[in-house]
Amino acid sequence: MFAELDTPSVLLDLDRVERNVRRMAALRDRLGVRLRPHIKTHKIPELARLQVAEGAAGITVAKVGEAEVMAAAGIADILIAYPVVGRHKLRRLMAVAQQARVSVALDSPAAAGDLSDLGEALKQGIPIYLELDTGFHRVGVSPRDALDAARALQRLPGLELVGLASYGGHVHGVGDTAAVDSIIAAEVQLLLETRDALHRAGMPVEEISIGGTVTTSRAAVRPELLAGVTEIRPGTYIFNDLNTVAEGACREEDCAATLLATVVSRPAPDRAVIDAGSKSLSSDSSPRIAGRGRVAGSGQVVEWITEEHGMLRLDPADPLAVGDRVAVIPIHICAMMNLHDRAYGVRGGQVVETFAVAGRGRVQ
């Protein structure tokens, strides 16, 4: 299997990648919203350009470093969905803002002070999304404090408050579809109620931006869940992983990224060891998923891992032998991609393209 590649190596099934991108573009059209995919999943400029070519309005990134990579690759519209705090980052953001239209999501006026100075220096208003905490309890202003925060942001020069944003990460692990739908409905309701309160206070923000592949995938079944939303920011959908399979957001055959690994030991009849552990698969796990990965098309589970070893639990009759190769679907593809410098695009069993994971490690 792909004998020309050393292992472990990331494989991208380009037919599946393109199918996933087209499917999300069709959902965008059905919902009548903008699509701004989060590139934290792939970190590859060529794939960001593919998403834009299929109609994405722009992209989402988490860090200024990712924005630098994507702006240099010609992506013209970038949302940094993360507070940009500190003058080191602001100096770099100024250069990005001269290459692309940059907007920022943040949750407090305290995180906006340096951005205000940047907007004044650029002589243009930097579009700002006020992020709400709709239940995930990561970042985000409480909806009850959003009006005061918005008023404070509006008083800062060099900024333009354009909308509200959220990420409902608390849908993960719920399991029950009705409960997931209830969480999504509550998230959207909080956003719309906050928007209406801002309107009544004389702040006519219009954009409602919502993140998450699981959230977005539920709208494929129940589009009314996202009524009033103007923008969606899914990321994982381009590759998918065992998490999105477990959440019902895709099927295993929609998983476009795997890790090619080699069996380096068969130390017991019921165990094989591959050359892929936490340093190549990531250490992420899930209470809903057995093991740390699954061999595509076989049901073999990577039962546990150390840094460089992955232990497969096998039927003793399984013929898997030292030197054989397997393709492992990861639990969390975003974490796995950030461990690799390159990924290999494949079609019909052949490697047809090599991609630099250019955004890898750009955490500043």
Protein backbone atom coordinates (compact mmCIF):
# COMPACT_ATOMS: atom_id res chain seq x y z
CA MET A 1 0.00 0.00 0.00
CA PHE A 2 1.65 3.22 -1.27
CA ALA A 3 5.09 1.63 -1.18
CA GLU A 4 6.71 4.88 -2.29
CA LEU A 5 5.80 6.52 1.05
CA ASP A 6 7.57 6.08 4.34
CA THR A 7 5.39 5.74 7.43
CA PRO A 8 3.66 7.17 9.30
CA SER A 9 2.23 9.42 6.57
CA VAL A 10 -1.04 11.31 6.21
CA LEU A 11 -3.15 10.21 3.24
CA LEU A 12 -5.89 12.44 1.80
CA ASP A 13 -8.45 10.73 -0.42
CA LEU A 14 -8.99 13.60 -2.84
CA ASP A 15 -12.22 12.21 -4.26
CA ARG A 16 -13.68 12.18 -0.76
CA VAL A 17 -12.25 15.61 0.04
CA GLU A 18 -13.89 17.10 -3.04
CA ARG A 19 -17.17 15.33 -2.33
CA ASN A 20 -17.22 16.67 1.22
CA VAL A 21 -16.49 20.20 0.02
CA ARG A 22 -19.23 20.07 -2.60
CA ARG A 23 -21.73 18.64 -0.10
CA MET A 24 -21.15 21.51 2.31
CA ALA A 25 -21.38 24.03 -0.52
CA ALA A 26 -24.75 22.57 -1.48
CA LEU A 27 -25.94 22.84 2.13
CA ARG A 28 -24.80 26.45 2.20
CA ASP A 29 -26.94 27.16 -0.84
CA ARG A 30 -29.89 25.33 0.65
CA LEU A 31 -29.67 27.33 3.88
CA GLY A 32 -29.04 30.64 2.11
CA VAL A 33 -26.04 31.49 4.30
CA ARG A 34 -22.38 32.33 3.81
CA LEU A 35 -19.87 29.54 4.32
CA ARG A 36 -16.62 30.49 6.02
CA PRO A 37 -14.84 27.17 6.71
CA HIS A 38 -12.39 26.88 9.59
CA ILE A 39 -9.02 25.82 8.18
CA LYS A 40 -7.73 24.61 11.57
CA THR A 41 -8.61 21.13 10.32
CA HIS A 42 -6.37 21.00 7.26
CA LYS A 43 -4.00 24.01 7.52
CA ILE A 44 -3.26 23.60 3.79
CA PRO A 45 -3.53 26.66 1.49
CA GLU A 46 -4.41 24.59 -1.58
CA LEU A 47 -7.43 23.17 0.23
CA ALA A 48 -8.49 26.61 1.43
CA ARG A 49 -8.39 27.75 -2.19
CA LEU A 50 -10.49 24.72 -3.16
CA GLN A 51 -13.11 25.71 -0.58
CA VAL A 52 -13.16 29.30 -1.85
CA ALA A 53 -13.40 28.10 -5.45
CA GLU A 54 -16.49 26.12 -4.43
CA GLY A 55 -18.11 29.30 -3.15
CA ALA A 56 -16.86 29.87 0.40
CA ALA A 57 -17.02 33.57 1.21
CA GLY A 58 -13.69 33.41 3.00
CA ILE A 59 -12.08 31.32 5.72
CA THR A 60 -11.84 31.15 9.49
CA VAL A 61 -8.58 30.75 11.40
CA ALA A 62 -7.72 30.62 15.10
CA LYS A 63 -4.38 32.36 15.23
CA VAL A 64 -2.57 35.22 13.50
CA GLY A 65 0.07 32.72 12.33
CA GLU A 66 -2.57 30.79 10.38
CA ALA A 67 -3.86 34.07 8.94
CA GLU A 68 -0.33 34.94 7.77
CA VAL A 69 -0.03 31.63 5.92
CA MET A 70 -3.42 31.93 4.25
CA ALA A 71 -3.08 35.60 3.30
CA ALA A 72 0.31 34.87 1.72
CA ALA A 73 -1.42 32.15 -0.31
CA GLY A 74 -3.94 34.64 -1.71
CA ILE A 75 -6.96 34.08 0.53
CA ALA A 76 -8.65 37.46 0.50
CA ASP A 77 -11.14 37.29 3.38
CA ILE A 78 -10.12 35.93 6.79
CA LEU A 79 -11.96 35.80 10.11
CA ILE A 80 -9.75 35.27 13.15
CA ALA A 81 -12.19 33.53 15.49
CA TYR A 82 -10.02 34.09 18.54
CA PRO A 83 -9.20 37.19 20.61
CA VAL A 84 -6.03 38.82 19.27
CA VAL A 85 -4.27 40.09 22.37
CA GLY A 86 -0.77 41.58 22.64
CA ARG A 87 1.24 44.00 20.55
CA HIS A 88 3.50 41.27 19.13
CA LYS A 89 0.47 39.81 17.36
CA LEU A 90 -0.91 43.21 16.42
CA ARG A 91 2.26 44.13 14.55
CA ARG A 92 1.95 40.98 12.49
CA LEU A 93 -1.78 41.44 12.03
CA MET A 94 -1.15 44.84 10.49
CA ALA A 95 0.80 43.18 7.68
CA VAL A 96 -1.97 40.60 7.18
CA ALA A 97 -4.60 43.34 7.04
CA GLN A 98 -2.72 44.91 4.16
CA GLN A 99 -3.03 41.66 2.19
CA ALA A 100 -6.57 40.56 3.01
CA ARG A 101 -9.82 41.71 4.58
CA VAL A 102 -9.46 40.69 8.22
CA SER A 103 -12.20 40.47 10.83
CA VAL A 104 -11.88 39.32 14.44
CA ALA A 105 -14.17 37.58 16.92
CA LEU A 106 -13.65 38.48 20.58
CA ASP A 107 -15.61 38.57 23.79
CA SER A 108 -14.66 41.74 25.66
CA PRO A 109 -13.66 45.37 25.21
CA ALA A 110 -10.45 44.52 27.09
CA ALA A 111 -9.42 42.28 24.17
CA ALA A 112 -10.21 45.04 21.66
CA GLY A 113 -7.96 47.89 22.82
CA ASP A 114 -4.95 47.06 20.68
CA LEU A 115 -7.22 46.24 17.73
CA SER A 116 -8.69 49.72 18.05
CA ASP A 117 -5.21 51.21 17.71
CA LEU A 118 -4.59 48.98 14.68
CA GLY A 119 -7.82 50.07 13.00
CA GLU A 120 -6.90 53.70 13.49
CA ALA A 121 -3.41 53.11 12.13
CA LEU A 122 -4.85 51.38 9.07
CA LYS A 123 -7.44 54.14 8.68
CA GLN A 124 -10.17 51.54 8.29
CA GLY A 125 -12.68 49.96 10.61
CA ILE A 126 -11.78 46.41 11.56
CA PRO A 127 -14.95 44.27 11.49
CA ILE A 128 -15.63 42.77 14.92
CA TYR A 129 -17.86 39.86 15.91
CA LEU A 130 -18.85 39.81 19.58
CA GLU A 131 -18.64 36.19 20.69
CA LEU A 132 -21.34 34.88 23.02
CA ASP A 133 -21.07 32.02 25.47
CA THR A 134 -24.15 29.99 24.57
CA GLY A 135 -23.37 27.09 26.88
CA PHE A 136 -19.93 25.70 26.02
CA HIS A 137 -18.26 27.87 28.68
CA ARG A 138 -15.01 28.40 26.84
CA VAL A 139 -14.70 32.01 25.67
CA GLY A 140 -17.68 34.27 25.09
CA VAL A 141 -19.50 37.03 26.90
CA SER A 142 -22.62 36.03 28.78
CA PRO A 143 -25.71 37.02 26.77
CA ARG A 144 -26.92 39.08 29.74
CA ASP A 145 -23.72 41.18 29.55
CA ALA A 146 -23.60 41.41 25.75
CA LEU A 147 -25.38 44.76 25.50
CA ASP A 148 -22.88 46.48 27.80
CA ALA A 149 -19.97 44.85 25.98
CA ALA A 150 -21.33 45.93 22.60
CA ARG A 151 -21.77 49.51 23.78
CA ALA A 152 -18.18 49.57 25.01
CA LEU A 153 -16.92 48.14 21.72
CA GLN A 154 -18.90 50.67 19.74
CA ARG A 155 -17.16 53.49 21.60
CA LEU A 156 -13.73 52.30 20.50
CA PRO A 157 -12.41 54.00 17.34
CA GLY A 158 -11.07 51.93 14.47
CA LEU A 159 -13.54 49.09 15.01
CA GLU A 160 -16.85 48.20 13.41
CA LEU A 161 -19.17 45.89 15.33
CA VAL A 162 -20.80 43.84 12.57
CA GLY A 163 -22.25 40.78 14.25
CA LEU A 164 -22.40 38.06 16.85
CA ALA A 165 -20.61 34.71 16.83
CA SER A 166 -20.73 31.50 18.83
CA TYR A 167 -19.41 27.96 18.95
CA GLY A 168 -21.68 25.35 20.49
CA GLY A 169 -19.01 22.81 21.39
CA HIS A 170 -21.27 21.39 24.09
CA VAL A 171 -23.16 19.41 21.43
CA HIS A 172 -20.26 16.94 21.39
CA GLY A 173 -20.75 13.78 23.37
CA VAL A 174 -24.46 14.34 23.96
CA GLY A 175 -25.44 11.38 21.82
CA ASP A 176 -29.17 11.88 21.72
CA THR A 177 -30.25 13.62 18.50
CA ALA A 178 -33.20 15.39 20.09
CA ALA A 179 -30.92 16.75 22.83
CA VAL A 180 -28.39 17.95 20.24
CA ASP A 181 -31.15 19.73 18.31
CA SER A 182 -32.35 21.36 21.53
CA ILE A 183 -28.83 22.67 22.25
CA ILE A 184 -28.54 24.08 18.72
CA ALA A 185 -31.98 25.71 18.92
CA ALA A 186 -31.09 27.32 22.26
CA GLU A 187 -27.77 28.59 20.87
CA VAL A 188 -29.44 30.23 17.89
CA GLN A 189 -32.21 31.67 20.06
CA LEU A 190 -29.67 33.35 22.36
CA LEU A 191 -27.88 34.85 19.37
CA LEU A 192 -31.07 36.17 17.81
CA GLU A 193 -32.41 37.54 21.09
CA THR A 194 -29.09 39.33 21.66
CA ARG A 195 -29.14 40.71 18.11
CA ASP A 196 -32.66 42.05 18.68
CA ALA A 197 -31.62 43.67 21.96
CA LEU A 198 -28.74 45.39 20.19
CA HIS A 199 -31.11 46.60 17.48
CA ARG A 200 -33.42 48.13 20.09
CA ALA A 201 -30.41 49.88 21.61
CA GLY A 202 -29.50 51.45 18.27
CA MET A 203 -26.80 48.99 17.24
CA PRO A 204 -28.08 47.31 14.07
CA VAL A 205 -25.64 44.40 13.83
CA GLU A 206 -26.80 41.90 11.22
CA GLU A 207 -24.33 39.01 11.11
CA ILE A 208 -25.02 35.83 13.06
CA SER A 209 -22.04 33.46 12.67
CA ILE A 210 -22.15 29.94 14.07
CA GLY A 211 -19.43 27.28 14.14
CA GLY A 212 -19.15 23.51 14.21
CA THR A 213 -19.44 20.59 11.81
CA VAL A 214 -21.89 18.74 14.07
CA THR A 215 -24.12 21.80 14.36
CA THR A 216 -24.02 22.42 10.64
CA SER A 217 -24.69 18.79 9.78
CA ARG A 218 -27.91 18.80 11.79
CA ALA A 219 -29.15 21.63 9.57
CA ALA A 220 -28.92 19.25 6.63
CA VAL A 221 -31.73 17.30 8.31
CA ARG A 222 -33.51 20.19 10.01
CA PRO A 223 -32.65 23.46 8.22
CA GLU A 224 -35.05 25.39 10.44
CA LEU A 225 -32.58 24.97 13.30
CA LEU A 226 -30.36 27.65 11.73
CA ALA A 227 -33.13 30.07 10.74
CA GLY A 228 -31.76 33.59 11.21
CA VAL A 229 -28.11 32.52 10.97
CA THR A 230 -26.18 34.36 8.25
CA GLU A 231 -22.86 32.49 8.32
CA ILE A 232 -21.61 28.98 9.14
CA ARG A 233 -18.02 28.08 10.11
CA PRO A 234 -17.60 24.27 10.03
CA GLY A 235 -14.06 22.90 9.80
CA THR A 236 -13.80 19.15 10.29
CA TYR A 237 -16.24 18.34 7.47
CA ILE A 238 -13.55 18.55 4.79
CA PHE A 239 -11.91 15.36 6.16
CA ASN A 240 -14.19 14.11 8.95
CA ASP A 241 -12.93 11.67 11.61
CA LEU A 242 -14.19 9.12 14.12
CA ASN A 243 -15.61 11.92 16.26
CA THR A 244 -17.85 13.17 13.45
CA VAL A 245 -18.86 9.58 12.68
CA ALA A 246 -19.77 9.01 16.34
CA GLU A 247 -21.76 12.24 16.41
CA GLY A 248 -23.79 11.15 13.37
CA ALA A 249 -22.41 13.99 11.25
CA CYS A 250 -21.01 11.66 8.59
CA ARG A 251 -20.40 8.01 7.67
CA GLU A 252 -17.06 6.24 7.84
CA GLU A 253 -16.88 6.34 4.04
CA ASP A 254 -16.91 10.15 4.28
CA CYS A 255 -13.62 10.12 6.24
CA ALA A 256 -11.08 11.48 3.76
CA ALA A 257 -7.92 11.49 5.89
CA THR A 258 -6.11 8.47 7.27
CA LEU A 259 -2.69 7.76 8.71
CA LEU A 260 -0.66 5.20 6.79
CA ALA A 261 1.29 3.06 9.27
CA THR A 262 3.45 -0.05 9.17
CA VAL A 263 3.17 -3.11 11.39
CA VAL A 264 6.51 -3.32 13.19
CA SER A 265 5.75 -6.15 15.61
CA ARG A 266 3.33 -9.05 16.13
CA PRO A 267 4.37 -9.87 19.70
CA ALA A 268 1.28 -11.89 20.57
CA PRO A 269 -1.48 -13.67 18.61
CA ASP A 270 -4.02 -11.04 19.63
CA ARG A 271 -1.78 -7.95 19.24
CA ALA A 272 0.12 -6.10 16.53
CA VAL A 273 2.10 -2.90 16.91
CA ILE A 274 2.23 -0.10 14.33
CA ASP A 275 4.74 2.74 14.01
CA ALA A 276 2.17 5.40 14.93
CA GLY A 277 1.50 6.62 18.45
CA SER A 278 0.65 9.90 20.12
CA LYS A 279 3.32 11.78 18.13
CA SER A 280 1.59 11.00 14.85
CA LEU A 281 -2.05 10.12 15.67
CA SER A 282 -2.32 12.64 18.56
CA SER A 283 -3.21 11.71 22.10
CA ASP A 284 -6.87 12.70 21.75
CA SER A 285 -9.45 10.18 22.82
CA SER A 286 -13.21 10.07 23.23
CA PRO A 287 -15.41 8.38 25.82
CA ARG A 288 -17.73 7.42 22.97
CA ILE A 289 -15.07 5.74 20.82
CA ALA A 290 -13.14 2.58 21.59
CA GLY A 291 -9.36 2.94 21.45
CA ARG A 292 -7.34 5.68 19.75
CA GLY A 293 -8.18 5.05 16.09
CA ARG A 294 -9.61 2.46 13.75
CA VAL A 295 -8.13 0.78 10.69
CA ALA A 296 -10.21 1.83 7.71
CA GLY A 297 -12.47 -0.87 6.32
CA SER A 298 -11.43 -3.54 8.82
CA GLY A 299 -12.83 -2.76 12.22
CA GLN A 300 -9.38 -3.28 13.78
CA VAL A 301 -8.98 -0.89 16.70
CA VAL A 302 -5.84 0.89 17.84
CA GLU A 303 -6.52 -0.08 21.43
CA TRP A 304 -3.88 2.06 23.12
CA ILE A 305 -0.82 4.12 22.25
CA THR A 306 2.46 5.38 23.58
CA GLU A 307 4.55 8.06 21.90
CA GLU A 308 5.74 5.97 18.95
CA HIS A 309 3.71 2.76 19.23
CA GLY A 310 0.11 1.95 18.43
CA MET A 311 -1.24 -1.36 19.73
CA LEU A 312 -3.83 -3.10 17.57
CA ARG A 313 -6.07 -5.67 19.23
CA LEU A 314 -6.60 -8.52 16.77
CA ASP A 315 -8.41 -11.77 16.32
CA PRO A 316 -5.64 -14.40 16.68
CA ALA A 317 -6.61 -15.68 13.25
CA ASP A 318 -5.95 -12.28 11.66
CA PRO A 319 -3.07 -12.68 9.15
CA LEU A 320 -1.67 -9.18 9.71
CA ALA A 321 2.13 -9.51 9.73
CA VAL A 322 5.26 -7.45 10.28
CA GLY A 323 5.76 -5.21 7.25
CA ASP A 324 2.06 -4.97 6.38
CA ARG A 325 0.56 -1.50 6.13
CA VAL A 326 -2.72 -0.16 7.47
CA ALA A 327 -4.61 3.13 7.09
CA VAL A 328 -5.91 4.42 10.43
CA ILE A 329 -8.85 6.81 10.78
CA PRO A 330 -8.04 9.18 13.66
CA ILE A 331 -10.37 10.17 16.44
CA HIS A 332 -9.58 13.87 16.01
CA ILE A 333 -8.22 14.86 12.62
CA CYS A 334 -7.48 18.51 13.51
CA ALA A 335 -5.02 17.46 16.21
CA MET A 336 -3.44 14.84 13.95
CA MET A 337 -2.84 17.24 11.06
CA ASN A 338 -0.91 19.60 13.32
CA LEU A 339 1.66 16.83 13.89
CA HIS A 340 2.71 16.45 10.25
CA ASP A 341 4.71 18.57 7.81
CA ARG A 342 3.22 16.95 4.71
CA ALA A 343 0.11 15.16 3.54
CA TYR A 344 -0.24 13.06 0.40
CA GLY A 345 -3.22 13.37 -1.92
CA VAL A 346 -4.29 10.02 -3.37
CA ARG A 347 -6.68 8.88 -6.09
CA GLY A 348 -7.36 5.37 -7.27
CA GLY A 349 -4.65 3.90 -5.08
CA GLN A 350 -1.97 6.29 -6.40
CA VAL A 351 -0.23 9.25 -4.78
CA VAL A 352 -0.95 12.20 -7.08
CA GLU A 353 -0.03 15.26 -4.99
CA THR A 354 2.05 16.30 -2.01
CA PHE A 355 0.78 19.10 0.22
CA ALA A 356 2.76 21.12 2.72
CA VAL A 357 0.77 21.49 5.94
CA ALA A 358 1.83 25.13 5.92
CA GLY A 359 -0.23 26.19 8.91
CA ARG A 360 1.18 23.47 11.13
CA GLY A 361 2.51 24.79 14.44
CA ARG A 362 1.40 28.37 13.72
CA VAL A 363 0.03 28.76 17.23
CA GLN A 364 1.09 32.36 17.82
